[in-house]
Amino acid sequence: MRATAKVTALFPERSSDPLEFVDYRLAETPEEKDEIYRLRYRAYLREGAILPSESQRVTDRYDDEPNNFTFGVYYRDELYSSIRISVLRGEWRGSPSSEMFADLLHPELDSGKTIIDPTRFVADPDKARVFPELPYVTVRLGYVACGHFNADIGLANVRPEHRAFYRKVFLQKPLGEPKLFPGLIKPVGLMAADYREIRDRVFQRFPFMRSSAFERRMLFQRSGERHAFPREVVTSFERALAVSGS
């Protein structure tokens, strides 16, 4: 319980439940996606990661690939941040990390492993200042995905100055040297962790990172499509649940 007390002490004046008033929404309609693309532009431009553009939007080909899920994180019904979750397995390899670090990741995929690749993590530059838990709440979606898809490896694409934070807080280790992410002008490096090996330690430190089977299913089922993403991935997850009894 020591770790839980330590986390709570980071924001002693705030609610002990960082997820209070938070709503995760899978962007599916053109309007929902456009709102997130505009948020990406504002966030990247503010931090000097992109050059100005007339469209004032940031998107790429991965946004429309079936193994990618783009989420908006809403706080009190306002969009505060966004993250895209790419699920890599077998022939499903469409993600920035899979392309940038193919030499490191494709052998893992060839061996049958499932990898969760969260990218396009952005936060509203102004709103983030009033919600200090926002990075934790947003990154939590990567852990939810790891649980839902029975992942072996969880990734993070981070700038060099953020590596120490991810290593200390989320127990991830540097895997690939910084490279230019498509469309950005600041390099990012690849970090990775064995999900099953670090899961319990992360959950012990941050209990709100846990998720229920119901929450996982609701987040990763697209409207009107049940088990739309490669059925064998969901089946392996369900089989693992049945064996573990969790």
Protein backbone atom coordinates (compact mmCIF):
# COMPACT_ATOMS: atom_id res chain seq x y z
CA MET A 1 0.00 0.00 0.00
CA ARG A 2 3.03 2.27 0.27
CA ALA A 3 3.06 2.85 -3.49
CA THR A 4 -0.61 3.87 -3.55
CA ALA A 5 -0.02 6.44 -0.84
CA LYS A 6 2.93 7.81 -2.78
CA VAL A 7 0.86 8.33 -5.91
CA THR A 8 -1.96 9.98 -4.00
CA ALA A 9 0.52 12.38 -2.43
CA LEU A 10 1.44 13.73 -5.86
CA PHE A 11 -1.89 15.58 -5.96
CA PRO A 12 -3.05 15.70 -2.33
CA GLU A 13 -5.63 18.43 -2.94
CA ARG A 14 -7.47 16.45 -5.63
CA SER A 15 -9.82 13.47 -5.77
CA SER A 16 -8.22 10.13 -4.99
CA ASP A 17 -9.88 8.75 -8.15
CA PRO A 18 -8.20 10.24 -11.25
CA LEU A 19 -10.89 8.70 -13.46
CA GLU A 20 -13.70 10.65 -11.85
CA PHE A 21 -15.42 12.72 -14.57
CA VAL A 22 -13.25 11.06 -17.28
CA ASP A 23 -14.83 9.52 -20.36
CA TYR A 24 -12.91 7.58 -23.02
CA ARG A 25 -14.50 7.76 -26.47
CA LEU A 26 -13.46 5.83 -29.55
CA ALA A 27 -13.43 8.28 -32.47
CA GLU A 28 -15.55 6.79 -35.23
CA THR A 29 -17.48 9.57 -36.97
CA PRO A 30 -15.82 12.14 -39.28
CA GLU A 31 -16.68 14.86 -36.76
CA GLU A 32 -15.10 13.00 -33.83
CA LYS A 33 -11.95 12.28 -35.82
CA ASP A 34 -11.68 15.85 -37.07
CA GLU A 35 -11.85 17.21 -33.54
CA ILE A 36 -8.91 14.99 -32.59
CA TYR A 37 -6.90 15.85 -35.71
CA ARG A 38 -7.29 19.54 -34.84
CA LEU A 39 -6.23 18.84 -31.24
CA ARG A 40 -3.11 17.08 -32.52
CA TYR A 41 -2.25 20.11 -34.62
CA ARG A 42 -2.63 22.56 -31.72
CA ALA A 43 -0.62 20.39 -29.34
CA TYR A 44 2.20 19.62 -31.77
CA LEU A 45 2.44 23.23 -32.94
CA ARG A 46 2.59 24.55 -29.38
CA GLU A 47 5.53 22.29 -28.52
CA GLY A 48 7.35 22.97 -31.79
CA ALA A 49 7.02 19.42 -33.08
CA ILE A 50 5.51 20.43 -36.45
CA LEU A 51 5.52 23.36 -38.83
CA PRO A 52 2.37 25.43 -39.40
CA SER A 53 -0.01 24.13 -42.08
CA GLU A 54 -3.09 25.50 -43.79
CA SER A 55 -5.21 22.49 -42.88
CA GLN A 56 -4.49 22.89 -39.16
CA ARG A 57 -4.94 19.15 -38.75
CA VAL A 58 -2.60 16.20 -38.19
CA THR A 59 -3.50 12.77 -39.53
CA ASP A 60 -1.78 9.89 -41.31
CA ARG A 61 -2.62 6.68 -43.10
CA TYR A 62 -2.63 4.63 -39.92
CA ASP A 63 -5.72 6.45 -38.64
CA ASP A 64 -7.87 4.49 -41.07
CA GLU A 65 -6.26 1.06 -40.73
CA PRO A 66 -8.44 -1.57 -39.02
CA ASN A 67 -5.92 -2.41 -36.30
CA ASN A 68 -5.79 1.20 -35.09
CA PHE A 69 -8.11 2.74 -32.49
CA THR A 70 -8.08 6.51 -31.90
CA PHE A 71 -9.49 7.70 -28.59
CA GLY A 72 -10.50 11.05 -27.23
CA VAL A 73 -10.14 11.53 -23.49
CA TYR A 74 -12.92 13.77 -22.21
CA TYR A 75 -12.97 15.45 -18.82
CA ARG A 76 -16.32 16.87 -17.74
CA ASP A 77 -17.49 16.37 -21.34
CA GLU A 78 -14.64 18.39 -22.89
CA LEU A 79 -11.87 16.92 -25.05
CA TYR A 80 -8.61 17.12 -23.07
CA SER A 81 -6.31 14.62 -24.78
CA SER A 82 -6.08 11.84 -27.33
CA ILE A 83 -4.07 8.72 -28.02
CA ARG A 84 -4.05 6.15 -30.81
CA ILE A 85 -3.70 2.47 -29.99
CA SER A 86 -2.26 0.17 -32.68
CA VAL A 87 -2.62 -3.58 -32.18
CA LEU A 88 0.18 -5.49 -33.90
CA ARG A 89 -0.04 -9.23 -34.45
CA GLY A 90 0.88 -11.55 -37.30
CA GLU A 91 -0.01 -9.85 -40.55
CA TRP A 92 -1.43 -6.79 -38.78
CA ARG A 93 1.64 -4.52 -38.72
CA GLY A 94 0.28 -1.09 -39.56
CA SER A 95 1.72 1.39 -37.08
CA PRO A 96 4.46 4.03 -36.99
CA SER A 97 6.67 2.02 -34.62
CA SER A 98 6.34 -1.10 -36.75
CA GLU A 99 7.58 0.90 -39.73
CA MET A 100 10.27 2.93 -37.96
CA PHE A 101 11.67 0.05 -35.93
CA ALA A 102 10.89 -2.90 -38.19
CA ASP A 103 14.23 -4.54 -37.43
CA LEU A 104 13.33 -4.70 -33.73
CA LEU A 105 9.61 -5.43 -33.85
CA HIS A 106 9.04 -7.68 -36.85
CA PRO A 107 11.04 -10.59 -35.38
CA GLU A 108 8.79 -10.41 -32.31
CA LEU A 109 5.70 -10.44 -34.51
CA ASP A 110 7.11 -13.29 -36.58
CA SER A 111 7.37 -15.33 -33.38
CA GLY A 112 3.65 -14.87 -32.73
CA LYS A 113 3.73 -12.10 -30.15
CA THR A 114 1.08 -9.39 -29.79
CA ILE A 115 2.34 -5.82 -29.41
CA ILE A 116 0.43 -2.71 -28.33
CA ASP A 117 1.78 0.48 -29.89
CA PRO A 118 0.29 3.71 -28.45
CA THR A 119 1.15 6.78 -30.53
CA ARG A 120 -0.19 10.28 -31.24
CA PHE A 121 -0.46 11.06 -27.52
CA VAL A 122 -1.45 14.73 -27.40
CA ALA A 123 -3.06 16.96 -24.80
CA ASP A 124 -4.80 20.30 -25.05
CA PRO A 125 -2.01 22.75 -24.13
CA ASP A 126 -4.26 24.91 -21.96
CA LYS A 127 -6.53 22.32 -20.35
CA ALA A 128 -3.68 19.99 -19.38
CA ARG A 129 -2.44 22.50 -16.82
CA VAL A 130 -5.61 22.18 -14.75
CA PHE A 131 -5.64 18.37 -14.83
CA PRO A 132 -2.18 17.13 -13.76
CA GLU A 133 -3.32 13.48 -13.79
CA LEU A 134 -4.03 13.71 -17.52
CA PRO A 135 -0.85 11.95 -18.74
CA TYR A 136 -1.56 8.96 -16.48
CA VAL A 137 -5.24 8.84 -17.43
CA THR A 138 -4.39 8.98 -21.14
CA VAL A 139 -1.58 6.42 -21.08
CA ARG A 140 -3.90 4.10 -19.15
CA LEU A 141 -5.58 3.23 -22.47
CA GLY A 142 -2.41 1.39 -23.48
CA TYR A 143 -2.73 -0.84 -20.43
CA VAL A 144 -6.41 -1.40 -21.13
CA ALA A 145 -5.47 -2.49 -24.66
CA CYS A 146 -2.74 -4.81 -23.38
CA GLY A 147 -5.28 -6.55 -21.18
CA HIS A 148 -7.95 -6.78 -23.85
CA PHE A 149 -5.71 -8.16 -26.59
CA ASN A 150 -3.61 -10.35 -24.28
CA ALA A 151 -0.46 -8.48 -25.29
CA ASP A 152 3.10 -9.60 -24.79
CA ILE A 153 4.80 -6.23 -25.29
CA GLY A 154 3.75 -2.64 -24.65
CA LEU A 155 5.52 0.18 -26.47
CA ALA A 156 5.93 3.92 -26.11
CA ASN A 157 7.30 6.44 -28.60
CA VAL A 158 8.78 9.25 -26.53
CA ARG A 159 11.17 12.13 -26.95
CA PRO A 160 14.60 11.66 -25.34
CA GLU A 161 13.81 14.07 -22.51
CA HIS A 162 10.79 11.98 -21.48
CA ARG A 163 12.56 8.63 -21.33
CA ALA A 164 13.42 8.90 -17.64
CA PHE A 165 9.76 9.44 -16.76
CA TYR A 166 8.57 6.37 -18.67
CA ARG A 167 11.36 4.25 -17.22
CA LYS A 168 10.64 5.30 -13.65
CA VAL A 169 6.84 5.42 -13.73
CA PHE A 170 5.90 2.75 -16.28
CA LEU A 171 8.99 0.52 -16.00
CA GLN A 172 9.71 0.65 -19.73
CA LYS A 173 13.21 0.32 -21.12
CA PRO A 174 14.81 2.02 -24.14
CA LEU A 175 14.67 -0.23 -27.18
CA GLY A 176 15.40 1.94 -30.21
CA GLU A 177 17.38 5.12 -30.71
CA PRO A 178 15.45 8.32 -31.51
CA LYS A 179 14.20 8.72 -35.07
CA LEU A 180 11.92 11.19 -36.82
CA PHE A 181 8.29 10.18 -36.51
CA PRO A 182 6.48 10.71 -39.85
CA GLY A 183 5.36 14.34 -40.06
CA LEU A 184 7.18 15.53 -36.92
CA ILE A 185 10.38 17.55 -36.71
CA LYS A 186 11.48 16.30 -33.29
CA PRO A 187 12.83 12.73 -32.96
CA VAL A 188 11.26 10.06 -30.75
CA GLY A 189 12.79 6.90 -29.36
CA LEU A 190 11.19 3.54 -28.79
CA MET A 191 10.65 2.16 -25.29
CA ALA A 192 9.18 -1.23 -24.45
CA ALA A 193 8.15 -3.47 -21.59
CA ASP A 194 7.11 -7.07 -21.16
CA TYR A 195 3.49 -6.44 -20.20
CA ARG A 196 3.01 -9.57 -18.12
CA GLU A 197 6.27 -8.99 -16.27
CA ILE A 198 5.54 -5.38 -15.22
CA ARG A 199 1.74 -5.48 -15.04
CA ASP A 200 1.30 -6.28 -11.36
CA ARG A 201 3.93 -3.78 -10.25
CA VAL A 202 2.33 -0.98 -12.26
CA PHE A 203 -1.14 -1.88 -10.97
CA GLN A 204 0.14 -1.93 -7.41
CA ARG A 205 1.56 1.57 -7.78
CA PHE A 206 -1.38 2.89 -9.80
CA PRO A 207 -4.54 0.91 -8.99
CA PHE A 208 -6.62 3.05 -11.35
CA MET A 209 -4.69 1.53 -14.28
CA ARG A 210 -6.68 -1.67 -13.77
CA SER A 211 -9.69 -2.30 -15.98
CA SER A 212 -12.61 -4.69 -16.04
CA ALA A 213 -13.40 -7.09 -18.87
CA PHE A 214 -16.57 -5.10 -19.49
CA GLU A 215 -14.70 -1.80 -19.86
CA ARG A 216 -12.15 -3.36 -22.20
CA ARG A 217 -14.81 -4.86 -24.41
CA MET A 218 -16.83 -1.65 -24.58
CA LEU A 219 -13.81 0.47 -25.50
CA PHE A 220 -12.52 -1.74 -28.30
CA GLN A 221 -15.79 -2.72 -29.97
CA ARG A 222 -16.67 -0.41 -32.81
CA SER A 223 -20.28 0.65 -33.29
CA GLY A 224 -22.28 -1.98 -35.13
CA GLU A 225 -19.32 -4.36 -35.20
CA ARG A 226 -18.79 -7.07 -32.63
CA HIS A 227 -15.35 -8.71 -32.74
CA ALA A 228 -14.56 -6.63 -35.85
CA PHE A 229 -10.81 -6.61 -35.22
CA PRO A 230 -9.06 -9.92 -36.10
CA ARG A 231 -11.16 -12.53 -34.36
CA GLU A 232 -8.18 -14.66 -33.42
CA VAL A 233 -6.79 -11.84 -31.26
CA VAL A 234 -10.00 -11.46 -29.30
CA THR A 235 -10.38 -15.21 -29.05
CA SER A 236 -6.93 -15.61 -27.51
CA PHE A 237 -7.82 -12.92 -24.99
CA GLU A 238 -11.07 -14.63 -24.07
CA ARG A 239 -9.32 -17.98 -23.83
CA ALA A 240 -6.76 -16.47 -21.45
CA LEU A 241 -9.58 -15.09 -19.31
CA ALA A 242 -11.24 -18.49 -19.15
CA VAL A 243 -8.00 -20.19 -18.10
CA SER A 244 -7.07 -17.61 -15.49
CA GLY A 245 -10.59 -17.24 -14.18
CA SER A 246 -10.11 -13.47 -13.94
